[in-house]
Structures are given as structure tokens and as C-alpha cells.
C-alpha atoms as a PDB file:
ATOM      1  CA  MET A   1     131.180 115.871  98.152  1.00  0.00           C
ATOM      2  CA  PRO A   2     128.199 115.025  95.913  1.00  0.00           C
ATOM      3  CA  VAL A   3     125.882 112.143  96.758  1.00  0.00           C
ATOM      4  CA  ILE A   4     126.279 109.284  94.266  1.00  0.00           C
ATOM      5  CA  LYS A   5     123.127 107.243  93.586  1.00  0.00           C
ATOM      6  CA  LEU A   6     123.186 103.831  91.973  1.00  0.00           C
ATOM      7  CA  HIS A   7     120.341 102.338  89.939  1.00  0.00           C
ATOM      8  CA  VAL A   8     120.353  99.183  92.109  1.00  0.00           C
ATOM      9  CA  ARG A   9     119.974  98.603  95.826  1.00  0.00           C
ATOM     10  CA  LYS A  10     120.782  95.832  98.274  1.00  0.00           C
ATOM     11  CA  GLY A  11     118.451  92.881  97.702  1.00  0.00           C
ATOM     12  CA  ASP A  12     117.707  93.604  94.018  1.00  0.00           C
ATOM     13  CA  LYS A  13     118.021  90.828  91.429  1.00  0.00           C
ATOM     14  CA  VAL A  14     120.417  91.780  88.632  1.00  0.00           C
ATOM     15  CA  LYS A  15     121.826  90.378  85.389  1.00  0.00           C
ATOM     16  CA  VAL A  16     125.478  90.775  84.354  1.00  0.00           C
ATOM     17  CA  LEU A  17     125.830  92.419  80.919  1.00  0.00           C
ATOM     18  CA  SER A  18     129.510  91.869  80.119  1.00  0.00           C
ATOM     19  CA  GLY A  19     132.698  90.241  81.298  1.00  0.00           C
ATOM     20  CA  LYS A  20     133.590  86.702  82.287  1.00  0.00           C
ATOM     21  CA  ASP A  21     130.256  86.226  84.100  1.00  0.00           C
ATOM     22  CA  LYS A  22     128.057  87.534  81.252  1.00  0.00           C
ATOM     23  CA  ASP A  23     124.352  86.514  81.466  1.00  0.00           C
ATOM     24  CA  LYS A  24     124.655  85.343  85.097  1.00  0.00           C
ATOM     25  CA  LYS A  25     121.938  86.450  87.515  1.00  0.00           C
ATOM     26  CA  GLY A  26     122.272  87.111  91.219  1.00  0.00           C
ATOM     27  CA  LYS A  27     121.189  89.170  94.202  1.00  0.00           C
ATOM     28  CA  VAL A  28     122.949  92.381  95.233  1.00  0.00           C
ATOM     29  CA  LEU A  29     124.648  91.730  98.588  1.00  0.00           C
ATOM     30  CA  LYS A  30     126.250  95.140  99.134  1.00  0.00           C
ATOM     31  CA  THR A  31     126.684  98.447  97.315  1.00  0.00           C
ATOM     32  CA  PHE A  32     129.690 100.761  97.244  1.00  0.00           C
ATOM     33  CA  PRO A  33     128.282 104.075  95.886  1.00  0.00           C
ATOM     34  CA  SER A  34     131.520 106.061  96.211  1.00  0.00           C
ATOM     35  CA  GLU A  35     133.315 103.500  93.998  1.00  0.00           C
ATOM     36  CA  LYS A  36     130.251 102.882  91.745  1.00  0.00           C
ATOM     37  CA  LYS A  37     130.527  99.148  92.437  1.00  0.00           C
ATOM     38  CA  VAL A  38     128.237  96.425  93.751  1.00  0.00           C
ATOM     39  CA  LEU A  39     128.771  92.971  95.254  1.00  0.00           C
ATOM     40  CA  VAL A  40     126.606  90.361  93.500  1.00  0.00           C
ATOM     41  CA  GLU A  41     125.991  86.847  94.842  1.00  0.00           C
ATOM     42  CA  GLY A  42     127.820  84.201  92.754  1.00  0.00           C
ATOM     43  CA  VAL A  43     129.404  86.698  90.330  1.00  0.00           C
ATOM     44  CA  ASN A  44     133.091  87.669  89.883  1.00  0.00           C
ATOM     45  CA  ILE A  45     134.439  84.868  92.099  1.00  0.00           C
ATOM     46  CA  ILE A  46     138.083  85.320  93.122  1.00  0.00           C
ATOM     47  CA  LYS A  47     140.487  83.128  95.075  1.00  0.00           C
ATOM     48  CA  LYS A  48     141.991  84.593  98.224  1.00  0.00           C
ATOM     49  CA  HIS A  49     144.853  82.973 100.106  1.00  0.00           C
ATOM     50  CA  ALA A  50     144.187  82.882 103.857  1.00  0.00           C
ATOM     51  CA  ARG A  51     146.901  82.539 106.459  1.00  0.00           C
ATOM     52  CA  PRO A  52     146.198  80.104 109.305  1.00  0.00           C
ATOM     53  CA  THR A  53     144.739  81.857 112.363  1.00  0.00           C
ATOM     54  CA  GLN A  54     143.255  80.706 115.653  1.00  0.00           C
ATOM     55  CA  LYS A  55     139.760  80.918 114.146  1.00  0.00           C
ATOM     56  CA  VAL A  56     140.758  79.050 110.958  1.00  0.00           C
ATOM     57  CA  PRO A  57     143.729  76.836 111.908  1.00  0.00           C
ATOM     58  CA  GLN A  58     144.083  75.172 108.488  1.00  0.00           C
ATOM     59  CA  GLY A  59     144.187  78.384 106.398  1.00  0.00           C
ATOM     60  CA  GLY A  60     144.074  77.672 102.659  1.00  0.00           C
ATOM     61  CA  ILE A  61     142.508  79.173  99.560  1.00  0.00           C
ATOM     62  CA  ARG A  62     139.043  80.734  99.897  1.00  0.00           C
ATOM     63  CA  GLU A  63     136.699  81.628  97.060  1.00  0.00           C
ATOM     64  CA  MET A  64     134.731  84.839  97.477  1.00  0.00           C
ATOM     65  CA  GLU A  65     132.846  87.446  95.452  1.00  0.00           C
ATOM     66  CA  ALA A  66     134.565  90.651  94.376  1.00  0.00           C
ATOM     67  CA  PRO A  67     132.776  93.922  93.538  1.00  0.00           C
ATOM     68  CA  VAL A  68     131.576  94.545  89.966  1.00  0.00           C
ATOM     69  CA  ASN A  69     131.210  97.937  88.284  1.00  0.00           C
ATOM     70  CA  SER A  70     127.578  99.048  88.421  1.00  0.00           C
ATOM     71  CA  SER A  71     127.579  99.885  84.696  1.00  0.00           C
ATOM     72  CA  LYS A  72     128.017  96.185  83.896  1.00  0.00           C
ATOM     73  CA  ILE A  73     124.794  95.057  85.587  1.00  0.00           C
ATOM     74  CA  MET A  74     121.122  95.579  84.820  1.00  0.00           C
ATOM     75  CA  LEU A  75     118.181  95.411  87.214  1.00  0.00           C
ATOM     76  CA  ILE A  76     115.643  92.587  86.746  1.00  0.00           C
ATOM     77  CA  CYS A  77     112.096  93.884  87.232  1.00  0.00           C
ATOM     78  CA  PRO A  78     110.236  91.936  89.958  1.00  0.00           C
ATOM     79  CA  SER A  79     106.910  92.111  88.082  1.00  0.00           C
ATOM     80  CA  CYS A  80     107.853  91.342  84.438  1.00  0.00           C
ATOM     81  CA  GLN A  81     111.042  89.324  85.254  1.00  0.00           C
ATOM     82  CA  GLN A  82     113.039  91.028  82.464  1.00  0.00           C
ATOM     83  CA  PRO A  83     116.273  93.057  82.624  1.00  0.00           C
ATOM     84  CA  THR A  84     115.265  96.687  82.357  1.00  0.00           C
ATOM     85  CA  ARG A  85     116.360 100.274  82.710  1.00  0.00           C
ATOM     86  CA  ILE A  86     114.676 102.301  85.419  1.00  0.00           C
ATOM     87  CA  PHE A  87     112.939 105.648  85.734  1.00  0.00           C
ATOM     88  CA  ARG A  88     112.517 107.714  88.880  1.00  0.00           C
ATOM     89  CA  ARG A  89     109.274 109.419  89.871  1.00  0.00           C
ATOM     90  CA  ALA A  90     108.226 111.537  92.818  1.00  0.00           C
ATOM     91  CA  LEU A  91     104.913 110.485  94.364  1.00  0.00           C
ATOM     92  CA  THR A  92     102.358 112.930  95.758  1.00  0.00           C
ATOM     93  CA  ASP A  93     103.682 112.427  99.297  1.00  0.00           C
ATOM     94  CA  GLY A  94     107.193 113.453  98.145  1.00  0.00           C
ATOM     95  CA  LYS A  95     108.677 109.961  98.196  1.00  0.00           C
ATOM     96  CA  ARG A  96     110.853 109.068  95.172  1.00  0.00           C
ATOM     97  CA  VAL A  97     110.404 105.608  93.670  1.00  0.00           C
ATOM     98  CA  ARG A  98     112.036 103.581  90.890  1.00  0.00           C
ATOM     99  CA  GLY A  99     110.009 102.117  88.047  1.00  0.00           C
ATOM    100  CA  CYS A 100     110.451  99.629  85.198  1.00  0.00           C
ATOM    101  CA  LYS A 101     110.803 101.145  81.713  1.00  0.00           C
ATOM    102  CA  LYS A 102     109.369  98.008  80.047  1.00  0.00           C
ATOM    103  CA  CYS A 103     106.167  97.350  82.009  1.00  0.00           C
ATOM    104  CA  GLY A 104     105.765 100.697  83.796  1.00  0.00           C
ATOM    105  CA  GLU A 105     105.339  99.135  87.263  1.00  0.00           C
ATOM    106  CA  PHE A 106     106.986 100.686  90.309  1.00  0.00           C
ATOM    107  CA  ILE A 107     109.861  98.634  91.756  1.00  0.00           C
ATOM    108  CA  ASP A 108     109.904 100.300  95.183  1.00  0.00           C
ATOM    109  CA  LYS A 109     106.727  99.817  97.152  1.00  0.00           C
END
């Protein structure tokens, strides 16, 4: 099975490009590379009905984030603070890093 790489990682700040949460910004909480989806803080909020349990005796309706397709989000560069595409480069020590297409700075330190 081939390894699927996403253009964002856990902890990155992203901007939503389309959908009901267009133009919202948030932090990536979790990535799902095999599904090409990411979980973004405060984006794609759904309501989930919870049955009463011993931990939560009242039950009720919970609001939580649902995964978003990775093609609908764009990375925000930490140095220029703009949504940008990325490029990948191999350094002299063999380590691969991501960089900002707009300002040219490396995102991964």
C-alpha cells in the first residue's frame, strides 16, 4: 500500500477554502492520511446525540468537529501569515522540509 502524504501536519494553522466554513482559520488537531482528511479546530461542527452513561449521566446533544477533506484547506505560513501552497526540498543532511511558495521561507525547522 503506498504511503499517502498530506501537505499539512498536526499543529499547523490552516484556512478553509470552500464549504459552509469558508474563510475560517484553525489549528490542525489530527490527520487521517489514508482518508485524505484532517480535523481542524472549530471547523465543520456537527451535533452528536449521546446516550446517558455512568460517566455522563445526563446524556444529551454534543457539538464536535468532524474531519474535512484536505483539498479544501490551505496552510497558513508562520512567517508571512498568508495562505500559501508549499514546496518540498531535501537539505544537505537528507532531511526533507516544507517551504512557503510566497515568501520562500522553510516551514519545518
